[in-house]
Amino acid sequence: MLCKHQVRIGNSGDGGWDVCDDKAYKPKKPCLVYSFGINRDYSFDDGIVERYGCEVHSFDPTMYTREHKLAPNVWFHPIGLAGRNGKMDKMGPIRTLGSIRKLLNHTHKAIDILKIDIEGMEWESFREMTKSDVLSDIRQLAIEFHSKAFFRKEKSISREWTS
């Protein structure tokens, strides 16, 4: 799609993201946003609530805290997005997008914005999402691909994606 009007939500540098604000694509209440990869910067998540009034779920397995409500409409989960369910060294649990949606009872809700900044795990996560067809009810996808982490850690996956 061609977005004619983008807005920056969150910090102007790292932590902020551009969102399509065209009438056909911008979030409308009731809206749901998943934000993976927080690193203690909630400026995007808070900005989504301020601008659109959405329900936002923030995820980061490297932040050692419990699940909790951060602010009105913002919930934090110490869970990471991955291409499989399990646990990684020195991190909280990791889950597929489908299993996270099931855990939060969101399987019958569209996700208005799916924001992913997960330092290399996006490759395996995205591959799993395309195979399981969970992207069919995602309205906007904002994803940061990390090529150095990808090629360094996932040589078998990188051959698959680049061939």
Protein backbone atom coordinates (compact mmCIF):
# COMPACT_ATOMS: atom_id res chain seq x y z
CA MET A 1 0.00 0.00 0.00
CA LEU A 2 1.06 3.54 -0.53
CA CYS A 3 0.73 5.64 2.61
CA LYS A 4 0.23 9.32 1.87
CA HIS A 5 0.32 10.59 5.47
CA GLN A 6 2.78 9.16 7.99
CA VAL A 7 3.20 10.31 11.56
CA ARG A 8 6.07 9.70 13.93
CA ILE A 9 4.92 8.12 17.18
CA GLY A 10 7.37 8.18 20.08
CA ASN A 11 10.90 9.57 20.17
CA SER A 12 12.30 11.25 17.08
CA GLY A 13 15.29 8.87 17.13
CA ASP A 14 15.51 5.29 18.29
CA GLY A 15 12.32 4.21 20.03
CA GLY A 16 9.96 6.08 17.74
CA TRP A 17 8.22 4.61 14.71
CA ASP A 18 6.42 5.93 11.65
CA VAL A 19 2.77 4.93 11.39
CA CYS A 20 0.44 5.28 8.42
CA ASP A 21 -2.19 7.83 9.39
CA ASP A 22 -4.27 7.64 6.19
CA LYS A 23 -7.97 7.41 6.97
CA ALA A 24 -8.23 3.85 5.60
CA TYR A 25 -5.31 2.52 7.68
CA LYS A 26 -4.96 4.49 10.88
CA PRO A 27 -6.10 2.75 14.07
CA LYS A 28 -9.66 3.39 15.14
CA LYS A 29 -11.15 2.51 18.54
CA PRO A 30 -11.34 -0.18 19.65
CA CYS A 31 -7.81 -0.86 18.44
CA LEU A 32 -5.06 -3.25 19.48
CA VAL A 33 -1.29 -2.76 19.16
CA TYR A 34 1.53 -5.19 19.93
CA SER A 35 4.96 -3.65 20.53
CA PHE A 36 7.87 -6.13 20.64
CA GLY A 37 11.27 -4.91 21.83
CA ILE A 38 10.97 -2.13 24.37
CA ASN A 39 14.39 -1.75 25.99
CA ARG A 40 12.77 0.49 28.62
CA ASP A 41 11.56 3.01 26.03
CA TYR A 42 7.78 3.23 26.05
CA SER A 43 7.53 6.42 23.99
CA PHE A 44 5.95 4.60 21.01
CA ASP A 45 3.53 2.67 23.22
CA ASP A 46 2.48 5.74 25.20
CA GLY A 47 2.21 7.79 22.00
CA ILE A 48 -0.15 5.23 20.45
CA VAL A 49 -2.46 5.51 23.46
CA GLU A 50 -2.29 9.30 23.39
CA ARG A 51 -2.99 9.64 19.66
CA TYR A 52 -5.38 6.74 18.99
CA GLY A 53 -6.56 5.45 22.39
CA CYS A 54 -5.58 1.87 21.54
CA GLU A 55 -5.00 -1.06 23.88
CA VAL A 56 -1.23 -1.61 23.75
CA HIS A 57 0.70 -4.70 24.80
CA SER A 58 4.45 -4.18 25.23
CA PHE A 59 6.81 -7.17 25.18
CA ASP A 60 10.47 -7.61 26.09
CA PRO A 61 12.03 -10.82 27.51
CA THR A 62 15.22 -9.01 28.58
CA MET A 63 13.46 -6.81 31.12
CA TYR A 64 13.28 -8.81 34.31
CA THR A 65 9.97 -7.81 35.77
CA ARG A 66 6.52 -9.25 36.12
CA GLU A 67 3.55 -8.69 33.87
CA HIS A 68 1.86 -5.47 34.88
CA LYS A 69 -0.20 -2.53 33.71
CA LEU A 70 2.08 0.41 32.98
CA ALA A 71 -0.50 3.09 32.32
CA PRO A 72 -4.09 3.25 31.20
CA ASN A 73 -4.33 0.97 28.15
CA VAL A 74 -0.65 -0.20 28.28
CA TRP A 75 0.32 -3.65 29.58
CA PHE A 76 3.84 -5.06 29.85
CA HIS A 77 4.69 -8.74 29.31
CA PRO A 78 8.22 -10.14 29.87
CA ILE A 79 7.80 -12.40 26.82
CA GLY A 80 9.80 -12.39 23.60
CA LEU A 81 8.66 -12.98 20.05
CA ALA A 82 10.30 -15.92 18.30
CA GLY A 83 9.73 -18.60 15.73
CA ARG A 84 9.14 -21.20 18.45
CA ASN A 85 7.90 -21.48 22.02
CA GLY A 86 10.47 -21.97 24.74
CA LYS A 87 13.13 -20.10 26.67
CA MET A 88 16.47 -18.59 25.75
CA ASP A 89 19.52 -18.18 27.96
CA LYS A 90 19.39 -15.13 30.23
CA MET A 91 15.95 -14.14 28.99
CA GLY A 92 12.32 -14.69 29.77
CA PRO A 93 10.09 -16.99 27.77
CA ILE A 94 9.83 -16.72 23.99
CA ARG A 95 6.69 -17.47 22.01
CA THR A 96 5.30 -17.36 18.51
CA LEU A 97 2.89 -14.58 17.64
CA GLY A 98 0.05 -17.10 17.42
CA SER A 99 0.71 -18.49 20.89
CA ILE A 100 0.97 -14.99 22.38
CA ARG A 101 -2.36 -14.00 20.83
CA LYS A 102 -3.90 -17.18 22.23
CA LEU A 103 -2.39 -16.53 25.68
CA LEU A 104 -3.89 -13.02 25.74
CA ASN A 105 -7.21 -14.16 24.25
CA HIS A 106 -6.69 -11.99 21.16
CA THR A 107 -7.12 -14.65 18.46
CA HIS A 108 -10.37 -13.12 17.23
CA LYS A 109 -9.11 -9.52 17.22
CA ALA A 110 -7.22 -7.77 14.44
CA ILE A 111 -3.92 -6.20 15.43
CA ASP A 112 -3.90 -2.63 14.15
CA ILE A 113 -0.13 -2.20 14.46
CA LEU A 114 2.45 -4.91 15.00
CA LYS A 115 5.80 -3.27 15.88
CA ILE A 116 8.87 -5.54 15.99
CA ASP A 117 12.40 -4.54 17.02
CA ILE A 118 13.88 -7.70 18.52
CA GLU A 119 17.59 -7.63 17.67
CA GLY A 120 17.92 -10.50 15.20
CA MET A 121 15.03 -12.71 16.29
CA GLU A 122 12.79 -11.02 13.71
CA TRP A 123 14.06 -13.35 10.98
CA GLU A 124 12.94 -16.57 12.62
CA SER A 125 9.77 -14.89 13.92
CA PHE A 126 8.79 -13.49 10.54
CA ARG A 127 9.45 -16.81 8.83
CA GLU A 128 7.15 -18.55 11.31
CA MET A 129 4.48 -15.86 10.94
CA THR A 130 4.40 -16.24 7.16
CA LYS A 131 4.15 -20.03 7.41
CA SER A 132 1.39 -19.98 10.04
CA ASP A 133 -0.64 -17.23 8.31
CA VAL A 134 -0.99 -15.08 11.45
CA LEU A 135 -0.25 -11.95 9.42
CA SER A 136 -3.63 -12.08 7.67
CA ASP A 137 -5.31 -9.85 10.25
CA ILE A 138 -2.43 -7.44 10.90
CA ARG A 139 -3.32 -3.98 9.59
CA GLN A 140 0.14 -2.35 9.83
CA LEU A 141 3.51 -4.03 10.26
CA ALA A 142 6.51 -2.01 11.45
CA ILE A 143 9.61 -4.17 11.61
CA GLU A 144 13.32 -3.49 11.93
CA PHE A 145 15.52 -6.15 10.33
CA HIS A 146 19.00 -6.58 11.78
CA SER A 147 21.19 -8.01 9.03
CA LYS A 148 24.45 -8.39 10.97
CA ALA A 149 22.79 -10.39 13.75
CA PHE A 150 20.92 -12.39 11.15
CA PHE A 151 23.92 -13.44 9.11
CA ARG A 152 26.13 -14.01 12.14
CA LYS A 153 23.72 -16.12 14.22
CA GLU A 154 21.45 -17.76 11.68
CA LYS A 155 23.57 -19.03 8.80
CA SER A 156 21.12 -21.76 7.83
CA ILE A 157 18.21 -19.30 7.86
CA SER A 158 20.20 -16.67 5.94
CA ARG A 159 20.88 -19.17 3.13
CA GLU A 160 17.13 -19.89 2.98
CA TRP A 161 16.13 -16.19 2.86
CA THR A 162 18.79 -15.12 0.35
CA SER A 163 18.54 -17.97 -2.13
